[in-house]
Amino acid sequence: MASKNLSAEKRHRQSERRRIQNKSVKSALRTCAKKLVTAVHDKDKTAAETYMRELAKQYDTAARKGIIKLNAAARKKSRMQKLVNTLMA
C-alpha cells in the first residue's frame, strides 16, 4: 500500500494480520467439523463425542473473539449436535 497517511498504513498492516489469523481459525473450524462428520459416518460414538466437544469449544471461542457471529456459531453447533444425536438413537 502506497498511502501517504501513516495511520492508514498501520490500519492496513493490522487488518492484514487479523485477516490471516481469522483465516487460520476458520480453517481449523472446518477441519474439526470434517473430522466430526467422518466419525459420525464411521459410526464411532466416542470419537464423535470427543470431536463435538472440541468443535463446540472452538465455535464458542471464535464467536467470542468476533471471528464468526454468535448466531452462526450457535446454528452450526446445533446442526452438528443433531448429526451426533443420530448415532445415539
N, C-alpha and C. Protein backbone atom coordinates (compact mmCIF):
# COMPACT_ATOMS: atom_id res chain seq x y z
N MET A 1 0.84 -1.17 0.00
CA MET A 1 0.00 0.00 0.00
C MET A 1 0.88 1.24 0.00
N ALA A 2 0.61 2.15 -0.90
CA ALA A 2 1.47 3.32 -1.06
C ALA A 2 0.76 4.57 -0.59
N SER A 3 0.20 4.52 0.59
CA SER A 3 -0.52 5.67 1.13
C SER A 3 0.46 6.63 1.80
N LYS A 4 0.14 7.91 1.75
CA LYS A 4 0.95 8.90 2.47
C LYS A 4 0.50 9.02 3.92
N ASN A 5 -0.65 8.46 4.21
CA ASN A 5 -1.21 8.57 5.54
C ASN A 5 -0.68 7.43 6.42
N LEU A 6 0.07 7.79 7.45
CA LEU A 6 0.68 6.77 8.31
C LEU A 6 -0.36 5.92 9.03
N SER A 7 -1.45 6.54 9.49
CA SER A 7 -2.46 5.77 10.21
C SER A 7 -3.16 4.79 9.27
N ALA A 8 -3.31 5.16 8.00
CA ALA A 8 -3.92 4.25 7.03
C ALA A 8 -3.01 3.05 6.77
N GLU A 9 -1.72 3.31 6.73
CA GLU A 9 -0.77 2.21 6.53
C GLU A 9 -0.80 1.26 7.72
N LYS A 10 -0.86 1.83 8.92
CA LYS A 10 -0.91 1.00 10.12
C LYS A 10 -2.18 0.17 10.15
N ARG A 11 -3.34 0.79 9.84
CA ARG A 11 -4.60 0.05 9.81
C ARG A 11 -4.54 -1.08 8.80
N HIS A 12 -3.90 -0.83 7.69
CA HIS A 12 -3.77 -1.87 6.66
C HIS A 12 -2.94 -3.05 7.19
N ARG A 13 -1.83 -2.73 7.85
CA ARG A 13 -1.00 -3.80 8.43
C ARG A 13 -1.79 -4.60 9.47
N GLN A 14 -2.54 -3.89 10.32
CA GLN A 14 -3.32 -4.55 11.36
C GLN A 14 -4.39 -5.45 10.76
N SER A 15 -5.11 -4.92 9.77
CA SER A 15 -6.19 -5.70 9.17
C SER A 15 -5.64 -6.93 8.45
N GLU A 16 -4.46 -6.80 7.85
CA GLU A 16 -3.84 -7.93 7.16
C GLU A 16 -3.47 -9.03 8.16
N ARG A 17 -2.92 -8.63 9.31
CA ARG A 17 -2.57 -9.61 10.35
C ARG A 17 -3.82 -10.31 10.87
N ARG A 18 -4.87 -9.53 11.10
CA ARG A 18 -6.12 -10.10 11.60
C ARG A 18 -6.75 -11.04 10.58
N ARG A 19 -6.70 -10.65 9.30
CA ARG A 19 -7.28 -11.49 8.24
C ARG A 19 -6.61 -12.85 8.19
N ILE A 20 -5.29 -12.86 8.30
CA ILE A 20 -4.54 -14.12 8.25
C ILE A 20 -4.87 -14.98 9.47
N GLN A 21 -4.93 -14.36 10.65
CA GLN A 21 -5.26 -15.11 11.87
C GLN A 21 -6.67 -15.66 11.81
N ASN A 22 -7.63 -14.83 11.36
CA ASN A 22 -9.02 -15.27 11.27
C ASN A 22 -9.17 -16.41 10.27
N LYS A 23 -8.43 -16.34 9.18
CA LYS A 23 -8.45 -17.39 8.16
C LYS A 23 -7.98 -18.71 8.76
N SER A 24 -6.95 -18.65 9.60
CA SER A 24 -6.42 -19.84 10.25
C SER A 24 -7.46 -20.46 11.19
N VAL A 25 -8.15 -19.62 11.95
CA VAL A 25 -9.16 -20.12 12.90
C VAL A 25 -10.32 -20.76 12.14
N LYS A 26 -10.79 -20.11 11.08
CA LYS A 26 -11.90 -20.65 10.29
C LYS A 26 -11.52 -21.97 9.64
N SER A 27 -10.27 -22.08 9.19
CA SER A 27 -9.80 -23.32 8.60
C SER A 27 -9.79 -24.45 9.64
N ALA A 28 -9.35 -24.14 10.85
CA ALA A 28 -9.33 -25.13 11.93
C ALA A 28 -10.75 -25.58 12.26
N LEU A 29 -11.71 -24.65 12.23
CA LEU A 29 -13.12 -25.00 12.47
C LEU A 29 -13.61 -25.98 11.42
N ARG A 30 -13.32 -25.69 10.17
CA ARG A 30 -13.78 -26.58 9.08
C ARG A 30 -13.12 -27.96 9.18
N THR A 31 -11.85 -27.99 9.55
CA THR A 31 -11.14 -29.26 9.69
C THR A 31 -11.76 -30.11 10.79
N CYS A 32 -12.05 -29.48 11.92
CA CYS A 32 -12.66 -30.20 13.05
C CYS A 32 -14.06 -30.69 12.67
N ALA A 33 -14.80 -29.87 11.94
CA ALA A 33 -16.15 -30.26 11.51
C ALA A 33 -16.08 -31.47 10.58
N LYS A 34 -15.10 -31.49 9.69
CA LYS A 34 -14.94 -32.63 8.78
C LYS A 34 -14.60 -33.90 9.55
N LYS A 35 -13.76 -33.77 10.57
CA LYS A 35 -13.41 -34.94 11.40
C LYS A 35 -14.65 -35.48 12.10
N LEU A 36 -15.49 -34.57 12.60
CA LEU A 36 -16.72 -34.97 13.27
C LEU A 36 -17.66 -35.70 12.31
N VAL A 37 -17.85 -35.16 11.13
CA VAL A 37 -18.73 -35.78 10.14
C VAL A 37 -18.20 -37.16 9.76
N THR A 38 -16.90 -37.28 9.59
CA THR A 38 -16.29 -38.57 9.26
C THR A 38 -16.52 -39.58 10.39
N ALA A 39 -16.35 -39.13 11.63
CA ALA A 39 -16.56 -40.03 12.78
C ALA A 39 -18.01 -40.49 12.84
N VAL A 40 -18.95 -39.59 12.55
CA VAL A 40 -20.37 -39.97 12.58
C VAL A 40 -20.68 -40.98 11.46
N HIS A 41 -20.14 -40.74 10.27
CA HIS A 41 -20.39 -41.66 9.16
C HIS A 41 -19.74 -43.03 9.40
N ASP A 42 -18.64 -43.03 10.16
CA ASP A 42 -17.99 -44.30 10.52
C ASP A 42 -18.64 -44.94 11.73
N LYS A 43 -19.66 -44.26 12.31
CA LYS A 43 -20.40 -44.74 13.47
C LYS A 43 -19.50 -44.95 14.70
N ASP A 44 -18.55 -44.05 14.87
CA ASP A 44 -17.63 -44.08 16.01
C ASP A 44 -18.14 -43.10 17.07
N LYS A 45 -18.86 -43.62 18.07
CA LYS A 45 -19.51 -42.76 19.07
C LYS A 45 -18.51 -41.97 19.91
N THR A 46 -17.47 -42.65 20.40
CA THR A 46 -16.53 -41.96 21.28
C THR A 46 -15.79 -40.85 20.55
N ALA A 47 -15.35 -41.12 19.34
CA ALA A 47 -14.65 -40.08 18.57
C ALA A 47 -15.58 -38.93 18.25
N ALA A 48 -16.83 -39.25 17.91
CA ALA A 48 -17.80 -38.21 17.57
C ALA A 48 -18.06 -37.30 18.78
N GLU A 49 -18.19 -37.90 19.96
CA GLU A 49 -18.42 -37.09 21.16
C GLU A 49 -17.21 -36.21 21.47
N THR A 50 -16.01 -36.77 21.29
CA THR A 50 -14.79 -36.00 21.54
C THR A 50 -14.68 -34.83 20.57
N TYR A 51 -14.91 -35.11 19.29
CA TYR A 51 -14.83 -34.04 18.28
C TYR A 51 -15.93 -33.00 18.49
N MET A 52 -17.09 -33.43 18.96
CA MET A 52 -18.18 -32.49 19.18
C MET A 52 -17.83 -31.52 20.30
N ARG A 53 -17.24 -32.03 21.38
CA ARG A 53 -16.82 -31.16 22.48
C ARG A 53 -15.77 -30.15 22.00
N GLU A 54 -14.81 -30.65 21.24
CA GLU A 54 -13.74 -29.80 20.73
C GLU A 54 -14.30 -28.74 19.77
N LEU A 55 -15.21 -29.17 18.90
CA LEU A 55 -15.79 -28.26 17.92
C LEU A 55 -16.62 -27.18 18.60
N ALA A 56 -17.41 -27.56 19.60
CA ALA A 56 -18.23 -26.59 20.32
C ALA A 56 -17.34 -25.56 21.01
N LYS A 57 -16.25 -26.01 21.58
CA LYS A 57 -15.31 -25.11 22.24
C LYS A 57 -14.71 -24.14 21.23
N GLN A 58 -14.32 -24.65 20.07
CA GLN A 58 -13.72 -23.80 19.05
C GLN A 58 -14.72 -22.78 18.50
N TYR A 59 -15.97 -23.22 18.29
CA TYR A 59 -17.00 -22.30 17.80
C TYR A 59 -17.26 -21.19 18.83
N ASP A 60 -17.35 -21.57 20.10
CA ASP A 60 -17.59 -20.58 21.15
C ASP A 60 -16.45 -19.56 21.22
N THR A 61 -15.23 -20.05 21.12
CA THR A 61 -14.08 -19.15 21.16
C THR A 61 -14.07 -18.20 19.97
N ALA A 62 -14.33 -18.74 18.78
CA ALA A 62 -14.34 -17.91 17.57
C ALA A 62 -15.45 -16.87 17.65
N ALA A 63 -16.60 -17.24 18.19
CA ALA A 63 -17.70 -16.29 18.32
C ALA A 63 -17.37 -15.22 19.35
N ARG A 64 -16.76 -15.61 20.44
CA ARG A 64 -16.40 -14.65 21.48
C ARG A 64 -15.40 -13.63 20.96
N LYS A 65 -14.48 -14.07 20.10
CA LYS A 65 -13.47 -13.17 19.56
C LYS A 65 -13.98 -12.39 18.35
N GLY A 66 -15.20 -12.68 17.90
CA GLY A 66 -15.76 -11.92 16.79
C GLY A 66 -15.34 -12.42 15.42
N ILE A 67 -14.76 -13.61 15.35
CA ILE A 67 -14.33 -14.16 14.06
C ILE A 67 -15.54 -14.63 13.27
N ILE A 68 -16.49 -15.24 13.98
CA ILE A 68 -17.79 -15.56 13.38
C ILE A 68 -18.86 -15.00 14.30
N LYS A 69 -20.06 -14.83 13.79
CA LYS A 69 -21.13 -14.25 14.60
C LYS A 69 -21.68 -15.28 15.58
N LEU A 70 -22.24 -14.77 16.68
CA LEU A 70 -22.75 -15.65 17.73
C LEU A 70 -23.83 -16.59 17.21
N ASN A 71 -24.77 -16.07 16.42
CA ASN A 71 -25.85 -16.90 15.91
C ASN A 71 -25.34 -17.95 14.93
N ALA A 72 -24.33 -17.60 14.16
CA ALA A 72 -23.74 -18.55 13.22
C ALA A 72 -23.10 -19.71 13.99
N ALA A 73 -22.40 -19.39 15.08
CA ALA A 73 -21.77 -20.43 15.89
C ALA A 73 -22.83 -21.32 16.51
N ALA A 74 -23.90 -20.72 17.03
CA ALA A 74 -24.98 -21.49 17.65
C ALA A 74 -25.65 -22.40 16.63
N ARG A 75 -25.90 -21.87 15.44
CA ARG A 75 -26.55 -22.64 14.38
C ARG A 75 -25.69 -23.84 13.96
N LYS A 76 -24.41 -23.61 13.79
CA LYS A 76 -23.52 -24.70 13.35
C LYS A 76 -23.35 -25.75 14.44
N LYS A 77 -23.25 -25.30 15.70
CA LYS A 77 -23.16 -26.25 16.81
C LYS A 77 -24.42 -27.10 16.89
N SER A 78 -25.57 -26.47 16.70
CA SER A 78 -26.84 -27.18 16.77
C SER A 78 -26.94 -28.25 15.68
N ARG A 79 -26.54 -27.88 14.48
CA ARG A 79 -26.61 -28.83 13.36
C ARG A 79 -25.66 -30.00 13.56
N MET A 80 -24.48 -29.71 14.09
CA MET A 80 -23.52 -30.79 14.34
C MET A 80 -24.01 -31.70 15.47
N GLN A 81 -24.63 -31.09 16.50
CA GLN A 81 -25.15 -31.90 17.61
C GLN A 81 -26.27 -32.80 17.12
N LYS A 82 -27.13 -32.29 16.23
CA LYS A 82 -28.19 -33.13 15.67
C LYS A 82 -27.59 -34.31 14.91
N LEU A 83 -26.50 -34.07 14.21
CA LEU A 83 -25.82 -35.14 13.49
C LEU A 83 -25.28 -36.20 14.45
N VAL A 84 -24.67 -35.75 15.54
CA VAL A 84 -24.14 -36.67 16.55
C VAL A 84 -25.27 -37.45 17.21
N ASN A 85 -26.42 -36.77 17.42
CA ASN A 85 -27.55 -37.44 18.08
C ASN A 85 -28.10 -38.58 17.24
N THR A 86 -27.89 -38.58 15.93
CA THR A 86 -28.37 -39.68 15.10
C THR A 86 -27.65 -40.97 15.47
N LEU A 87 -26.41 -40.85 15.98
CA LEU A 87 -25.68 -42.06 16.43
C LEU A 87 -26.29 -42.63 17.70
N MET A 88 -26.77 -41.75 18.56
CA MET A 88 -27.26 -42.17 19.87
C MET A 88 -28.65 -42.80 19.77
N ALA A 89 -29.38 -42.49 18.72
CA ALA A 89 -30.76 -43.00 18.60
C ALA A 89 -30.79 -44.46 18.24
